[in-house]
Amino acid sequence: MYAREDSAAERWRDLPDPDHVEAAATAFRMLSDPTRVRVLWLLCGSEHDVTSLANKIGAARPAVSQHLAKLRLAGLVTLRRDGRRAVYAARGGHVRRLLAEAVEAADHHLTGTADHD
């Protein structure tokens, strides 16, 4: 086994801190709703306000607002004010990679494509 493989295997030997496990589980719970996945996907590409997100995903503005509030509480989305307008974005590269990996895993599952490391 190569040194890189040793260190990768070592990472999975011990359980993470319980607070980290709970935060990760909360993030996964937030991604269990298809509307939230769609909202977060769009936010990974660029900033949006509630109205533009509602129009793009075909959902009611109050529903999108509620989904954004939950995603924000889970630490997956950030908010910044642009005058009176609230503008949302995905919270960094970890969130983008998490969502991209989840969608790619779904693609592999649905198409029967072989998994890769």
N, C-alpha and C. Protein backbone atom coordinates (compact mmCIF):
# COMPACT_ATOMS: atom_id res chain seq x y z
N MET A 1 0.84 -1.18 0.00
CA MET A 1 0.00 0.00 0.00
C MET A 1 0.89 1.24 0.00
N TYR A 2 0.50 2.23 -0.78
CA TYR A 2 1.26 3.47 -0.87
C TYR A 2 0.98 4.36 0.33
N ALA A 3 1.89 5.29 0.59
CA ALA A 3 1.75 6.19 1.74
C ALA A 3 0.44 6.97 1.67
N ARG A 4 0.06 7.42 0.48
CA ARG A 4 -1.18 8.19 0.33
C ARG A 4 -2.39 7.35 0.72
N GLU A 5 -2.40 6.07 0.33
CA GLU A 5 -3.50 5.18 0.70
C GLU A 5 -3.55 4.96 2.20
N ASP A 6 -2.37 4.87 2.85
CA ASP A 6 -2.33 4.71 4.30
C ASP A 6 -2.99 5.89 4.99
N SER A 7 -2.66 7.11 4.58
CA SER A 7 -3.22 8.28 5.24
C SER A 7 -4.71 8.41 4.95
N ALA A 8 -5.16 8.00 3.77
CA ALA A 8 -6.59 8.06 3.45
C ALA A 8 -7.36 7.06 4.31
N ALA A 9 -6.83 5.88 4.49
CA ALA A 9 -7.49 4.88 5.33
C ALA A 9 -7.51 5.31 6.78
N GLU A 10 -6.44 5.97 7.21
CA GLU A 10 -6.35 6.44 8.59
C GLU A 10 -7.46 7.44 8.93
N ARG A 11 -7.84 8.24 7.96
CA ARG A 11 -8.87 9.26 8.17
C ARG A 11 -10.18 8.64 8.66
N TRP A 12 -10.49 7.45 8.21
CA TRP A 12 -11.77 6.80 8.50
C TRP A 12 -11.70 5.87 9.70
N ARG A 13 -10.57 5.82 10.38
CA ARG A 13 -10.39 4.89 11.49
C ARG A 13 -11.19 5.29 12.72
N ASP A 14 -11.17 6.58 13.08
CA ASP A 14 -11.85 7.06 14.28
C ASP A 14 -13.05 7.91 13.89
N LEU A 15 -14.07 7.89 14.73
CA LEU A 15 -15.26 8.69 14.47
C LEU A 15 -14.97 10.17 14.66
N PRO A 16 -15.63 11.02 13.88
CA PRO A 16 -15.47 12.46 14.08
C PRO A 16 -16.11 12.89 15.41
N ASP A 17 -15.80 14.10 15.80
CA ASP A 17 -16.38 14.70 17.00
C ASP A 17 -17.91 14.67 16.88
N PRO A 18 -18.63 14.38 17.96
CA PRO A 18 -20.10 14.31 17.91
C PRO A 18 -20.77 15.58 17.37
N ASP A 19 -20.22 16.75 17.69
CA ASP A 19 -20.79 17.99 17.17
C ASP A 19 -20.68 18.07 15.65
N HIS A 20 -19.56 17.57 15.12
CA HIS A 20 -19.37 17.56 13.67
C HIS A 20 -20.33 16.57 13.00
N VAL A 21 -20.54 15.43 13.64
CA VAL A 21 -21.48 14.43 13.11
C VAL A 21 -22.89 15.02 13.07
N GLU A 22 -23.29 15.70 14.14
CA GLU A 22 -24.62 16.30 14.18
C GLU A 22 -24.79 17.38 13.12
N ALA A 23 -23.78 18.22 12.94
CA ALA A 23 -23.85 19.28 11.92
C ALA A 23 -23.92 18.68 10.52
N ALA A 24 -23.16 17.62 10.29
CA ALA A 24 -23.21 16.95 8.97
C ALA A 24 -24.57 16.31 8.74
N ALA A 25 -25.13 15.67 9.76
CA ALA A 25 -26.45 15.05 9.63
C ALA A 25 -27.52 16.11 9.36
N THR A 26 -27.39 17.26 9.98
CA THR A 26 -28.33 18.36 9.73
C THR A 26 -28.24 18.82 8.28
N ALA A 27 -27.03 18.95 7.78
CA ALA A 27 -26.84 19.34 6.37
C ALA A 27 -27.49 18.31 5.44
N PHE A 28 -27.30 17.03 5.72
CA PHE A 28 -27.91 15.99 4.88
C PHE A 28 -29.43 16.03 4.98
N ARG A 29 -29.96 16.30 6.17
CA ARG A 29 -31.42 16.43 6.31
C ARG A 29 -31.94 17.57 5.46
N MET A 30 -31.21 18.66 5.42
CA MET A 30 -31.63 19.80 4.61
C MET A 30 -31.64 19.46 3.12
N LEU A 31 -30.77 18.55 2.71
CA LEU A 31 -30.69 18.16 1.31
C LEU A 31 -31.63 17.01 0.97
N SER A 32 -32.49 16.62 1.91
CA SER A 32 -33.43 15.54 1.65
C SER A 32 -34.69 16.03 0.93
N ASP A 33 -34.79 17.32 0.71
CA ASP A 33 -35.94 17.90 0.03
C ASP A 33 -35.54 18.33 -1.38
N PRO A 34 -36.23 17.85 -2.42
CA PRO A 34 -35.85 18.21 -3.80
C PRO A 34 -35.85 19.71 -4.08
N THR A 35 -36.77 20.45 -3.50
CA THR A 35 -36.78 21.90 -3.71
C THR A 35 -35.52 22.53 -3.16
N ARG A 36 -35.09 22.10 -1.98
CA ARG A 36 -33.87 22.66 -1.39
C ARG A 36 -32.65 22.29 -2.24
N VAL A 37 -32.63 21.09 -2.81
CA VAL A 37 -31.52 20.71 -3.69
C VAL A 37 -31.49 21.63 -4.90
N ARG A 38 -32.66 21.88 -5.50
CA ARG A 38 -32.72 22.78 -6.65
C ARG A 38 -32.26 24.19 -6.29
N VAL A 39 -32.74 24.70 -5.16
CA VAL A 39 -32.36 26.04 -4.71
C VAL A 39 -30.85 26.11 -4.49
N LEU A 40 -30.32 25.14 -3.78
CA LEU A 40 -28.88 25.16 -3.49
C LEU A 40 -28.07 25.01 -4.77
N TRP A 41 -28.54 24.20 -5.71
CA TRP A 41 -27.84 24.03 -6.98
C TRP A 41 -27.69 25.39 -7.68
N LEU A 42 -28.79 26.13 -7.76
CA LEU A 42 -28.73 27.44 -8.40
C LEU A 42 -27.82 28.39 -7.63
N LEU A 43 -27.85 28.31 -6.31
CA LEU A 43 -27.00 29.18 -5.50
C LEU A 43 -25.52 28.82 -5.60
N CYS A 44 -25.23 27.60 -5.99
CA CYS A 44 -23.83 27.22 -6.21
C CYS A 44 -23.28 27.91 -7.45
N GLY A 45 -24.15 28.26 -8.38
CA GLY A 45 -23.72 28.91 -9.61
C GLY A 45 -23.60 30.41 -9.49
N SER A 46 -24.51 31.03 -8.75
CA SER A 46 -24.48 32.49 -8.59
C SER A 46 -25.45 32.91 -7.49
N GLU A 47 -25.34 34.15 -7.11
CA GLU A 47 -26.23 34.71 -6.10
C GLU A 47 -27.62 34.91 -6.71
N HIS A 48 -28.63 34.78 -5.84
CA HIS A 48 -30.02 35.00 -6.26
C HIS A 48 -30.81 35.60 -5.10
N ASP A 49 -31.86 36.32 -5.45
CA ASP A 49 -32.83 36.72 -4.43
C ASP A 49 -33.98 35.71 -4.46
N VAL A 50 -34.89 35.83 -3.52
CA VAL A 50 -35.98 34.87 -3.38
C VAL A 50 -36.84 34.83 -4.64
N THR A 51 -37.15 35.98 -5.19
CA THR A 51 -38.03 36.04 -6.35
C THR A 51 -37.42 35.34 -7.56
N SER A 52 -36.15 35.57 -7.83
CA SER A 52 -35.52 34.92 -8.98
C SER A 52 -35.45 33.41 -8.78
N LEU A 53 -35.16 32.97 -7.56
CA LEU A 53 -35.14 31.53 -7.30
C LEU A 53 -36.53 30.92 -7.49
N ALA A 54 -37.55 31.58 -6.96
CA ALA A 54 -38.92 31.08 -7.09
C ALA A 54 -39.30 30.95 -8.57
N ASN A 55 -38.95 31.94 -9.37
CA ASN A 55 -39.25 31.90 -10.79
C ASN A 55 -38.52 30.77 -11.50
N LYS A 56 -37.25 30.57 -11.16
CA LYS A 56 -36.44 29.54 -11.84
C LYS A 56 -36.88 28.13 -11.50
N ILE A 57 -37.31 27.89 -10.26
CA ILE A 57 -37.69 26.52 -9.89
C ILE A 57 -39.19 26.29 -9.93
N GLY A 58 -39.94 27.35 -10.19
CA GLY A 58 -41.39 27.20 -10.31
C GLY A 58 -42.08 26.92 -8.99
N ALA A 59 -41.62 27.55 -7.95
CA ALA A 59 -42.22 27.37 -6.62
C ALA A 59 -42.72 28.72 -6.11
N ALA A 60 -43.59 28.67 -5.13
CA ALA A 60 -44.11 29.90 -4.54
C ALA A 60 -43.01 30.61 -3.76
N ARG A 61 -43.02 31.93 -3.82
CA ARG A 61 -42.01 32.74 -3.14
C ARG A 61 -41.95 32.46 -1.64
N PRO A 62 -43.09 32.37 -0.92
CA PRO A 62 -43.00 32.07 0.52
C PRO A 62 -42.37 30.71 0.81
N ALA A 63 -42.64 29.73 -0.04
CA ALA A 63 -42.04 28.40 0.16
C ALA A 63 -40.53 28.47 -0.02
N VAL A 64 -40.09 29.16 -1.05
CA VAL A 64 -38.65 29.30 -1.30
C VAL A 64 -37.99 30.04 -0.14
N SER A 65 -38.66 31.05 0.37
CA SER A 65 -38.14 31.80 1.50
C SER A 65 -37.95 30.89 2.72
N GLN A 66 -38.91 30.02 2.97
CA GLN A 66 -38.80 29.08 4.09
C GLN A 66 -37.64 28.10 3.87
N HIS A 67 -37.50 27.61 2.65
CA HIS A 67 -36.39 26.69 2.35
C HIS A 67 -35.05 27.39 2.55
N LEU A 68 -34.95 28.64 2.11
CA LEU A 68 -33.71 29.39 2.30
C LEU A 68 -33.39 29.59 3.77
N ALA A 69 -34.40 29.84 4.57
CA ALA A 69 -34.18 30.02 6.01
C ALA A 69 -33.61 28.74 6.61
N LYS A 70 -34.13 27.60 6.21
CA LYS A 70 -33.62 26.33 6.74
C LYS A 70 -32.20 26.06 6.26
N LEU A 71 -31.94 26.32 4.99
CA LEU A 71 -30.58 26.13 4.46
C LEU A 71 -29.59 27.06 5.15
N ARG A 72 -30.04 28.25 5.46
CA ARG A 72 -29.18 29.21 6.15
C ARG A 72 -28.88 28.77 7.57
N LEU A 73 -29.90 28.29 8.29
CA LEU A 73 -29.70 27.79 9.65
C LEU A 73 -28.74 26.60 9.68
N ALA A 74 -28.77 25.79 8.63
CA ALA A 74 -27.88 24.63 8.55
C ALA A 74 -26.47 25.02 8.12
N GLY A 75 -26.26 26.29 7.80
CA GLY A 75 -24.93 26.75 7.41
C GLY A 75 -24.57 26.46 5.97
N LEU A 76 -25.56 26.17 5.12
CA LEU A 76 -25.29 25.84 3.72
C LEU A 76 -25.40 27.05 2.81
N VAL A 77 -26.05 28.11 3.30
CA VAL A 77 -26.33 29.30 2.49
C VAL A 77 -25.96 30.54 3.28
N THR A 78 -25.46 31.54 2.58
CA THR A 78 -25.18 32.84 3.20
C THR A 78 -26.16 33.87 2.66
N LEU A 79 -26.32 34.93 3.41
CA LEU A 79 -27.20 36.02 3.05
C LEU A 79 -26.42 37.32 3.12
N ARG A 80 -26.63 38.16 2.12
CA ARG A 80 -26.09 39.52 2.20
C ARG A 80 -27.18 40.46 1.74
N ARG A 81 -27.14 41.65 2.28
CA ARG A 81 -28.14 42.67 1.95
C ARG A 81 -27.59 43.56 0.83
N ASP A 82 -28.45 43.82 -0.13
CA ASP A 82 -28.15 44.75 -1.22
C ASP A 82 -29.27 45.78 -1.20
N GLY A 83 -29.11 46.77 -0.34
CA GLY A 83 -30.20 47.72 -0.08
C GLY A 83 -31.29 46.98 0.70
N ARG A 84 -32.50 46.99 0.18
CA ARG A 84 -33.62 46.28 0.83
C ARG A 84 -33.71 44.83 0.37
N ARG A 85 -32.95 44.49 -0.63
CA ARG A 85 -32.99 43.15 -1.24
C ARG A 85 -32.05 42.19 -0.51
N ALA A 86 -32.55 40.99 -0.22
CA ALA A 86 -31.72 39.93 0.38
C ALA A 86 -31.20 39.04 -0.75
N VAL A 87 -29.90 38.84 -0.79
CA VAL A 87 -29.26 38.04 -1.83
C VAL A 87 -28.59 36.84 -1.17
N TYR A 88 -28.87 35.67 -1.72
CA TYR A 88 -28.36 34.42 -1.14
C TYR A 88 -27.30 33.79 -2.05
N ALA A 89 -26.41 33.02 -1.42
CA ALA A 89 -25.37 32.29 -2.15
C ALA A 89 -25.05 31.02 -1.38
N ALA A 90 -24.53 30.02 -2.08
CA ALA A 90 -24.04 28.82 -1.41
C ALA A 90 -22.83 29.21 -0.58
N ARG A 91 -22.65 28.54 0.53
CA ARG A 91 -21.57 28.88 1.46
C ARG A 91 -20.28 28.15 1.11
N GLY A 92 -19.64 28.52 0.04
CA GLY A 92 -18.28 28.08 -0.26
C GLY A 92 -18.14 26.76 -0.98
N GLY A 93 -16.88 26.41 -1.18
CA GLY A 93 -16.51 25.25 -1.96
C GLY A 93 -16.95 23.91 -1.38
N HIS A 94 -16.95 23.79 -0.07
CA HIS A 94 -17.37 22.53 0.54
C HIS A 94 -18.82 22.22 0.18
N VAL A 95 -19.67 23.22 0.25
CA VAL A 95 -21.09 23.03 -0.07
C VAL A 95 -21.25 22.69 -1.54
N ARG A 96 -20.53 23.41 -2.41
CA ARG A 96 -20.61 23.11 -3.85
C ARG A 96 -20.15 21.70 -4.15
N ARG A 97 -19.06 21.28 -3.54
CA ARG A 97 -18.54 19.92 -3.79
C ARG A 97 -19.48 18.86 -3.22
N LEU A 98 -20.05 19.11 -2.04
CA LEU A 98 -21.00 18.18 -1.43
C LEU A 98 -22.19 17.97 -2.36
N LEU A 99 -22.76 19.06 -2.86
CA LEU A 99 -23.93 18.95 -3.73
C LEU A 99 -23.56 18.29 -5.06
N ALA A 100 -22.43 18.68 -5.63
CA ALA A 100 -22.00 18.09 -6.90
C ALA A 100 -21.78 16.58 -6.74
N GLU A 101 -21.15 16.16 -5.66
CA GLU A 101 -20.92 14.73 -5.42
C GLU A 101 -22.24 13.98 -5.24
N ALA A 102 -23.19 14.59 -4.53
CA ALA A 102 -24.49 13.94 -4.32
C ALA A 102 -25.21 13.74 -5.65
N VAL A 103 -25.20 14.76 -6.49
CA VAL A 103 -25.87 14.65 -7.79
C VAL A 103 -25.13 13.67 -8.70
N GLU A 104 -23.80 13.66 -8.65
CA GLU A 104 -23.03 12.71 -9.45
C GLU A 104 -23.26 11.28 -8.96
N ALA A 105 -23.34 11.07 -7.65
CA ALA A 105 -23.64 9.74 -7.12
C ALA A 105 -25.02 9.29 -7.57
N ALA A 106 -25.99 10.22 -7.59
CA ALA A 106 -27.33 9.89 -8.07
C ALA A 106 -27.28 9.51 -9.54
N ASP A 107 -26.50 10.23 -10.32
CA ASP A 107 -26.35 9.90 -11.74
C ASP A 107 -25.79 8.50 -11.93
N HIS A 108 -24.75 8.17 -11.17
CA HIS A 108 -24.15 6.84 -11.26
C HIS A 108 -25.18 5.76 -10.90
N HIS A 109 -25.95 6.03 -9.87
CA HIS A 109 -26.98 5.08 -9.42
C HIS A 109 -28.04 4.90 -10.50
N LEU A 110 -28.53 6.00 -11.05
CA LEU A 110 -29.62 5.94 -12.03
C LEU A 110 -29.20 5.39 -13.38
N THR A 111 -27.96 5.65 -13.77
CA THR A 111 -27.50 5.20 -15.09
C THR A 111 -26.73 3.88 -15.05
N GLY A 112 -26.39 3.44 -13.85
CA GLY A 112 -25.62 2.20 -13.73
C GLY A 112 -24.14 2.39 -14.00
N THR A 113 -23.69 3.64 -14.07
CA THR A 113 -22.28 3.93 -14.29
C THR A 113 -21.48 3.44 -13.08
N ALA A 114 -20.32 2.86 -13.36
CA ALA A 114 -19.47 2.33 -12.29
C ALA A 114 -18.99 3.46 -11.37
N ASP A 115 -18.92 3.18 -10.08
CA ASP A 115 -18.38 4.13 -9.12
C ASP A 115 -16.87 4.28 -9.34
N HIS A 116 -16.35 5.39 -8.88
CA HIS A 116 -14.91 5.62 -8.93
C HIS A 116 -14.46 6.21 -7.60
N ASP A 117 -13.17 6.09 -7.31
CA ASP A 117 -12.62 6.61 -6.06
C ASP A 117 -12.20 8.04 -6.17
